[in-house]
Amino acid sequence: MHNLVTAPAPARVGASLKVAARSARVSSARTAAVVPVVARHRASIVSTHATEFDGVSIPEPARPPKSLRGASSASSAGARGFVGAAAGAIDVIPGDYRIGGVLLSVAMFLGPVCHLWTQFGVHGLLGGFLAFQASRVRFRFSDTDLDVVFIEPGADDATAASLDTDSSGDNKLQGGGANKWSFDSVVNWEFWFPGFPVLVYYKENQTKAEGQPHFFPIIMDGKKLYEVMLEKMPKSVNEKPPVSEWNLDTAFESTSLGRSIKENLSDEQKEQLKNTTGFPFLDNK
């Protein structure tokens, strides 16, 4: 090999050309080796983040960093929740087995203990029926209507939110037809008894122009039912105390009979009424 320092000018030029050619060959080989890798990488990106439109794959924008993706997901979930709430939520009143359970307990006392088998049968049948109804009947409140649906016994209460309104058929007591009534049609409603819920009543003129009464035993969460009715139903003829004031005294005050009984009670007994809240052993103090 010629020494590029001492070789004549023509020789140096020839040697330079040889080195340049060899460098070009090496560079070309390296480029040829890298191009397939880059191509495969680009193909992977396009296949993962591309949308096909009229047969042409259009790459999607690059995904944000993982930390930002979490924040973005949370923001979009919050937006969806806000839309759902704005559309109007449906309040489903869960079932309650209190009355059915009490009647069954009374039946067990009247029968095996007192040997009053007729009373045992009556209380047992009624308690069993109400307990069964509590497992499947659900009241629903939208922003404009009250309706009644039926779920499978043991099903989650949340399933009631998506069901169709049921019909009472030819049931004359409930007026017949669909079990759905607008709040605007309700002319009065009563709750027996605030603090010790047993029966709920309302009268509406949607079924009949002269008014159709409806009575339901409290086979659902009485406190939640009362709160929702206070919030969404028209004002009742009689004043209704807030749930925070529920006690045995408010239960007596809700009927003329209860008020008459209170007139014969001493001040100490009246005070005891105010201090009695909820069913013994069933409600938390």
Protein backbone atom coordinates (compact mmCIF):
# COMPACT_ATOMS: atom_id res chain seq x y z
CA MET A 1 0.00 0.00 0.00
CA HIS A 2 1.29 3.48 -0.86
CA ASN A 3 2.03 5.84 1.99
CA LEU A 4 -0.36 8.75 1.52
CA VAL A 5 2.12 11.17 3.09
CA THR A 6 5.14 10.37 0.94
CA ALA A 7 3.46 9.14 -2.23
CA PRO A 8 3.31 11.40 -5.27
CA ALA A 9 0.21 13.52 -5.82
CA PRO A 10 -1.34 11.23 -8.46
CA ALA A 11 -0.87 8.23 -6.21
CA ARG A 12 -2.40 10.06 -3.27
CA VAL A 13 -5.43 10.97 -5.36
CA GLY A 14 -5.88 7.38 -6.46
CA ALA A 15 -5.59 6.12 -2.90
CA SER A 16 -8.09 8.72 -1.68
CA LEU A 17 -10.54 7.58 -4.29
CA LYS A 18 -10.14 3.97 -3.16
CA VAL A 19 -10.74 4.91 0.50
CA ALA A 20 -13.80 6.97 -0.40
CA ALA A 21 -15.21 4.09 -2.45
CA ARG A 22 -14.61 1.63 0.39
CA SER A 23 -16.30 4.03 2.89
CA ALA A 24 -19.27 4.39 0.57
CA ARG A 25 -19.61 0.60 0.36
CA VAL A 26 -19.53 0.27 4.15
CA SER A 27 -22.06 3.09 4.56
CA SER A 28 -24.35 1.49 2.00
CA ALA A 29 -24.15 -1.85 3.78
CA ARG A 30 -24.98 -0.28 7.13
CA THR A 31 -27.90 1.60 5.62
CA ALA A 32 -29.21 -1.56 4.01
CA ALA A 33 -29.07 -3.31 7.38
CA VAL A 34 -30.82 -0.50 9.26
CA VAL A 35 -33.62 0.22 6.78
CA PRO A 36 -35.49 -3.10 7.30
CA VAL A 37 -35.38 -2.57 11.06
CA VAL A 38 -36.78 0.94 10.75
CA ALA A 39 -39.38 -0.27 8.27
CA ARG A 40 -40.48 -3.07 10.57
CA HIS A 41 -40.71 -0.61 13.48
CA ARG A 42 -42.80 1.81 11.43
CA ALA A 43 -45.06 -1.02 10.27
CA SER A 44 -45.55 -2.07 13.89
CA ILE A 45 -46.52 1.46 14.86
CA VAL A 46 -48.93 1.79 11.95
CA SER A 47 -50.56 -1.59 12.59
CA THR A 48 -51.06 -0.71 16.26
CA HIS A 49 -52.12 2.92 15.94
CA ALA A 50 -53.79 3.28 12.55
CA THR A 51 -57.32 3.76 11.33
CA GLU A 52 -58.36 2.49 7.91
CA PHE A 53 -60.33 4.92 5.78
CA ASP A 54 -61.31 3.94 2.23
CA GLY A 55 -58.55 1.35 2.20
CA VAL A 56 -55.83 3.77 3.34
CA SER A 57 -54.28 3.36 6.78
CA ILE A 58 -54.04 6.69 8.57
CA PRO A 59 -51.81 6.66 11.65
CA GLU A 60 -53.48 7.89 14.84
CA PRO A 61 -51.89 10.60 16.99
CA ALA A 62 -49.26 9.34 19.38
CA ARG A 63 -50.60 8.27 22.80
CA PRO A 64 -49.77 10.54 25.73
CA PRO A 65 -47.50 9.32 28.53
CA LYS A 66 -48.96 6.71 30.90
CA SER A 67 -49.30 9.21 33.76
CA LEU A 68 -51.30 11.59 31.59
CA ARG A 69 -53.44 8.78 30.20
CA GLY A 70 -54.73 8.03 33.71
CA ALA A 71 -55.67 11.65 34.28
CA SER A 72 -57.39 11.81 30.89
CA SER A 73 -59.42 8.66 31.64
CA ALA A 74 -60.50 10.05 34.98
CA SER A 75 -61.59 13.31 33.36
CA SER A 76 -63.65 11.54 30.69
CA ALA A 77 -65.25 9.26 33.32
CA GLY A 78 -66.17 12.30 35.36
CA ALA A 79 -67.73 13.92 32.32
CA ARG A 80 -69.79 10.81 31.60
CA GLY A 81 -70.97 10.69 35.22
CA PHE A 82 -72.04 14.32 35.05
CA VAL A 83 -74.07 13.67 31.90
CA GLY A 84 -75.80 10.70 33.53
CA ALA A 85 -76.69 12.75 36.57
CA ALA A 86 -77.95 15.62 34.43
CA ALA A 87 -80.21 13.25 32.52
CA GLY A 88 -82.10 12.48 35.76
CA ALA A 89 -81.46 9.62 38.14
CA ILE A 90 -84.06 7.03 39.14
CA ASP A 91 -84.47 6.35 42.86
CA VAL A 92 -85.24 2.68 43.53
CA ILE A 93 -86.62 2.02 47.02
CA PRO A 94 -85.11 -1.25 48.32
CA GLY A 95 -87.29 -3.94 49.86
CA ASP A 96 -87.75 -4.25 53.64
CA TYR A 97 -88.86 -7.39 55.50
CA ARG A 98 -89.66 -5.76 58.82
CA ILE A 99 -93.46 -6.07 58.80
CA GLY A 100 -93.44 -9.55 57.28
CA GLY A 101 -90.83 -10.68 59.78
CA VAL A 102 -92.75 -9.23 62.75
CA LEU A 103 -95.96 -10.97 61.67
CA LEU A 104 -94.15 -14.29 61.27
CA SER A 105 -92.63 -13.89 64.73
CA VAL A 106 -96.06 -13.16 66.20
CA ALA A 107 -97.41 -16.26 64.44
CA MET A 108 -94.71 -18.41 66.01
CA PHE A 109 -95.63 -17.04 69.43
CA LEU A 110 -99.40 -17.44 68.99
CA GLY A 111 -99.15 -21.00 67.65
CA PRO A 112 -96.49 -23.07 69.40
CA VAL A 113 -96.52 -20.99 72.62
CA CYS A 114 -100.17 -19.92 73.07
CA HIS A 115 -101.73 -22.73 70.96
CA LEU A 116 -103.92 -20.20 69.13
CA TRP A 117 -103.68 -21.97 65.82
CA THR A 118 -106.25 -19.89 63.94
CA GLN A 119 -104.39 -16.69 64.75
CA PHE A 120 -101.14 -18.51 63.98
CA GLY A 121 -102.42 -19.31 60.48
CA VAL A 122 -103.70 -15.79 59.80
CA HIS A 123 -100.51 -14.05 60.96
CA GLY A 124 -98.31 -16.64 59.28
CA LEU A 125 -99.99 -16.36 55.89
CA LEU A 126 -100.03 -12.56 55.97
CA GLY A 127 -96.42 -12.36 57.16
CA GLY A 128 -95.24 -14.82 54.53
CA PHE A 129 -97.11 -12.96 51.78
CA LEU A 130 -95.67 -9.58 52.75
CA ALA A 131 -92.16 -11.02 53.05
CA PHE A 132 -92.50 -12.51 49.55
CA GLN A 133 -93.78 -9.21 48.13
CA ALA A 134 -90.91 -7.36 49.79
CA SER A 135 -88.49 -9.55 47.84
CA ARG A 136 -89.89 -8.56 44.43
CA VAL A 137 -91.90 -5.28 44.49
CA ARG A 138 -89.90 -2.09 43.94
CA PHE A 139 -91.04 1.53 43.91
CA ARG A 140 -89.20 3.83 41.50
CA PHE A 141 -89.12 7.62 41.49
CA SER A 142 -87.96 9.59 38.46
CA ASP A 143 -88.02 13.39 38.24
CA THR A 144 -91.66 13.30 37.11
CA ASP A 145 -93.27 9.95 37.97
CA LEU A 146 -93.73 7.17 40.50
CA ASP A 147 -94.03 3.64 39.15
CA VAL A 148 -93.96 0.05 40.40
CA VAL A 149 -91.91 -2.81 38.94
CA PHE A 150 -91.30 -6.43 39.89
CA ILE A 151 -87.90 -8.12 40.11
CA GLU A 152 -87.01 -11.75 40.61
CA PRO A 153 -86.88 -12.63 44.34
CA GLY A 154 -83.30 -12.31 45.48
CA ALA A 155 -82.23 -10.13 42.53
CA ASP A 156 -80.21 -7.00 43.12
CA ASP A 157 -82.23 -3.81 43.60
CA ALA A 158 -80.20 -2.13 40.85
CA THR A 159 -81.88 -4.36 38.25
CA ALA A 160 -85.17 -2.58 38.93
CA ALA A 161 -83.85 0.64 37.38
CA SER A 162 -83.91 -0.80 33.84
CA LEU A 163 -87.21 -2.72 33.93
CA ASP A 164 -90.45 -1.77 32.19
CA THR A 165 -93.35 -0.52 34.29
CA ASP A 166 -95.69 -3.31 35.35
CA SER A 167 -99.46 -3.36 35.02
CA SER A 168 -102.02 -4.02 37.72
CA GLY A 169 -104.33 -5.50 35.09
CA ASP A 170 -107.95 -5.36 36.21
CA ASN A 171 -107.05 -4.71 39.86
CA LYS A 172 -109.89 -2.39 40.93
CA LEU A 173 -108.20 -1.48 44.21
CA GLN A 174 -105.23 0.00 42.36
CA GLY A 175 -107.29 1.35 39.47
CA GLY A 176 -106.02 -1.09 36.84
CA GLY A 177 -103.66 -0.35 33.97
CA ALA A 178 -100.01 0.64 34.17
CA ASN A 179 -98.61 1.17 37.65
CA LYS A 180 -97.21 4.59 36.79
CA TRP A 181 -98.45 7.95 38.01
CA SER A 182 -97.13 11.46 37.45
CA PHE A 183 -96.45 13.61 40.50
CA ASP A 184 -98.68 16.31 39.03
CA SER A 185 -101.66 13.94 39.30
CA VAL A 186 -101.20 13.29 43.04
CA VAL A 187 -103.69 15.35 45.07
CA ASN A 188 -102.73 14.01 48.52
CA TRP A 189 -100.53 11.44 50.24
CA GLU A 190 -100.23 10.13 53.78
CA PHE A 191 -97.70 8.06 55.67
CA TRP A 192 -98.67 5.90 58.64
CA PHE A 193 -96.74 6.39 60.77
CA PRO A 194 -93.72 8.76 60.59
CA GLY A 195 -91.15 7.03 62.78
CA PHE A 196 -92.90 3.64 62.64
CA PRO A 197 -93.85 3.20 58.96
CA VAL A 198 -96.60 0.62 58.36
CA LEU A 199 -98.76 1.94 55.51
CA VAL A 200 -98.47 4.51 52.73
CA TYR A 201 -101.39 6.09 50.86
CA TYR A 202 -101.74 8.48 47.96
CA LYS A 203 -104.60 9.66 45.79
CA GLU A 204 -104.22 10.60 42.13
CA ASN A 205 -106.58 11.83 39.40
CA GLN A 206 -104.68 10.29 36.49
CA THR A 207 -106.59 6.99 36.65
CA LYS A 208 -109.94 8.56 37.47
CA ALA A 209 -110.98 12.19 37.23
CA GLU A 210 -112.67 11.96 40.64
CA GLY A 211 -109.49 10.52 42.16
CA GLN A 212 -108.14 7.00 42.69
CA PRO A 213 -106.72 6.02 46.13
CA HIS A 214 -103.78 3.63 46.48
CA PHE A 215 -102.71 1.84 49.66
CA PHE A 216 -99.44 -0.06 50.06
CA PRO A 217 -98.02 -1.77 53.15
CA ILE A 218 -94.47 -0.66 53.88
CA ILE A 219 -92.67 -3.61 52.30
CA MET A 220 -89.83 -1.30 51.26
CA ASP A 221 -87.34 0.92 53.11
CA GLY A 222 -89.84 3.20 54.89
CA LYS A 223 -87.37 5.94 55.75
CA LYS A 224 -86.00 6.24 52.20
CA LEU A 225 -89.53 6.11 50.77
CA TYR A 226 -90.63 8.92 53.09
CA GLU A 227 -87.59 11.08 52.25
CA VAL A 228 -88.13 10.72 48.50
CA MET A 229 -91.87 11.41 48.79
CA LEU A 230 -91.15 14.56 50.82
CA GLU A 231 -88.74 15.69 48.13
CA LYS A 232 -90.66 14.83 44.96
CA MET A 233 -94.37 14.48 45.79
CA PRO A 234 -96.70 17.51 45.99
CA LYS A 235 -97.31 18.88 49.46
CA SER A 236 -99.60 16.71 51.57
CA VAL A 237 -102.82 17.98 53.16
CA ASN A 238 -101.26 17.27 56.56
CA GLU A 239 -97.85 18.57 57.54
CA LYS A 240 -95.10 15.94 57.55
CA PRO A 241 -92.18 16.12 60.00
CA PRO A 242 -88.64 15.69 58.63
CA VAL A 243 -86.95 12.34 59.19
CA SER A 244 -84.64 13.92 61.77
CA GLU A 245 -87.69 14.40 64.03
CA TRP A 246 -89.04 10.86 63.71
CA ASN A 247 -90.08 9.27 67.01
CA LEU A 248 -93.12 7.67 68.64
CA ASP A 249 -94.58 11.10 69.32
CA THR A 250 -94.62 11.99 65.59
CA ALA A 251 -96.34 8.64 64.95
CA PHE A 252 -99.12 9.51 67.42
CA GLU A 253 -99.45 13.02 66.01
CA SER A 254 -100.04 11.72 62.47
CA THR A 255 -103.60 10.49 63.23
CA SER A 256 -106.59 11.88 65.10
CA LEU A 257 -106.74 8.68 67.18
CA GLY A 258 -103.13 9.09 68.23
CA ARG A 259 -103.71 12.71 69.20
CA SER A 260 -106.71 11.66 71.29
CA ILE A 261 -104.60 9.06 73.11
CA LYS A 262 -101.92 11.66 73.85
CA GLU A 263 -104.46 13.87 75.62
CA ASN A 264 -104.80 11.22 78.33
CA LEU A 265 -101.06 10.80 78.87
CA SER A 266 -98.99 12.45 81.57
CA ASP A 267 -96.14 14.81 80.77
CA GLU A 268 -93.65 12.10 81.68
CA GLN A 269 -95.31 9.64 79.29
CA LYS A 270 -95.35 12.22 76.52
CA GLU A 271 -91.64 12.76 77.06
CA GLN A 272 -91.08 9.02 76.76
CA LEU A 273 -92.85 9.09 73.40
CA LYS A 274 -90.38 11.66 72.14
CA ASN A 275 -87.44 9.57 73.34
CA THR A 276 -88.68 6.40 71.61
CA THR A 277 -87.27 6.18 68.11
CA GLY A 278 -87.59 3.18 65.82
CA PHE A 279 -88.73 -0.38 66.31
CA PRO A 280 -87.04 -2.09 69.28
CA PHE A 281 -84.23 -4.45 68.18
CA LEU A 282 -84.84 -3.53 64.51
CA ASP A 283 -83.73 0.09 64.17
CA ASN A 284 -80.38 1.46 65.19
CA LYS A 285 -80.64 4.14 67.82
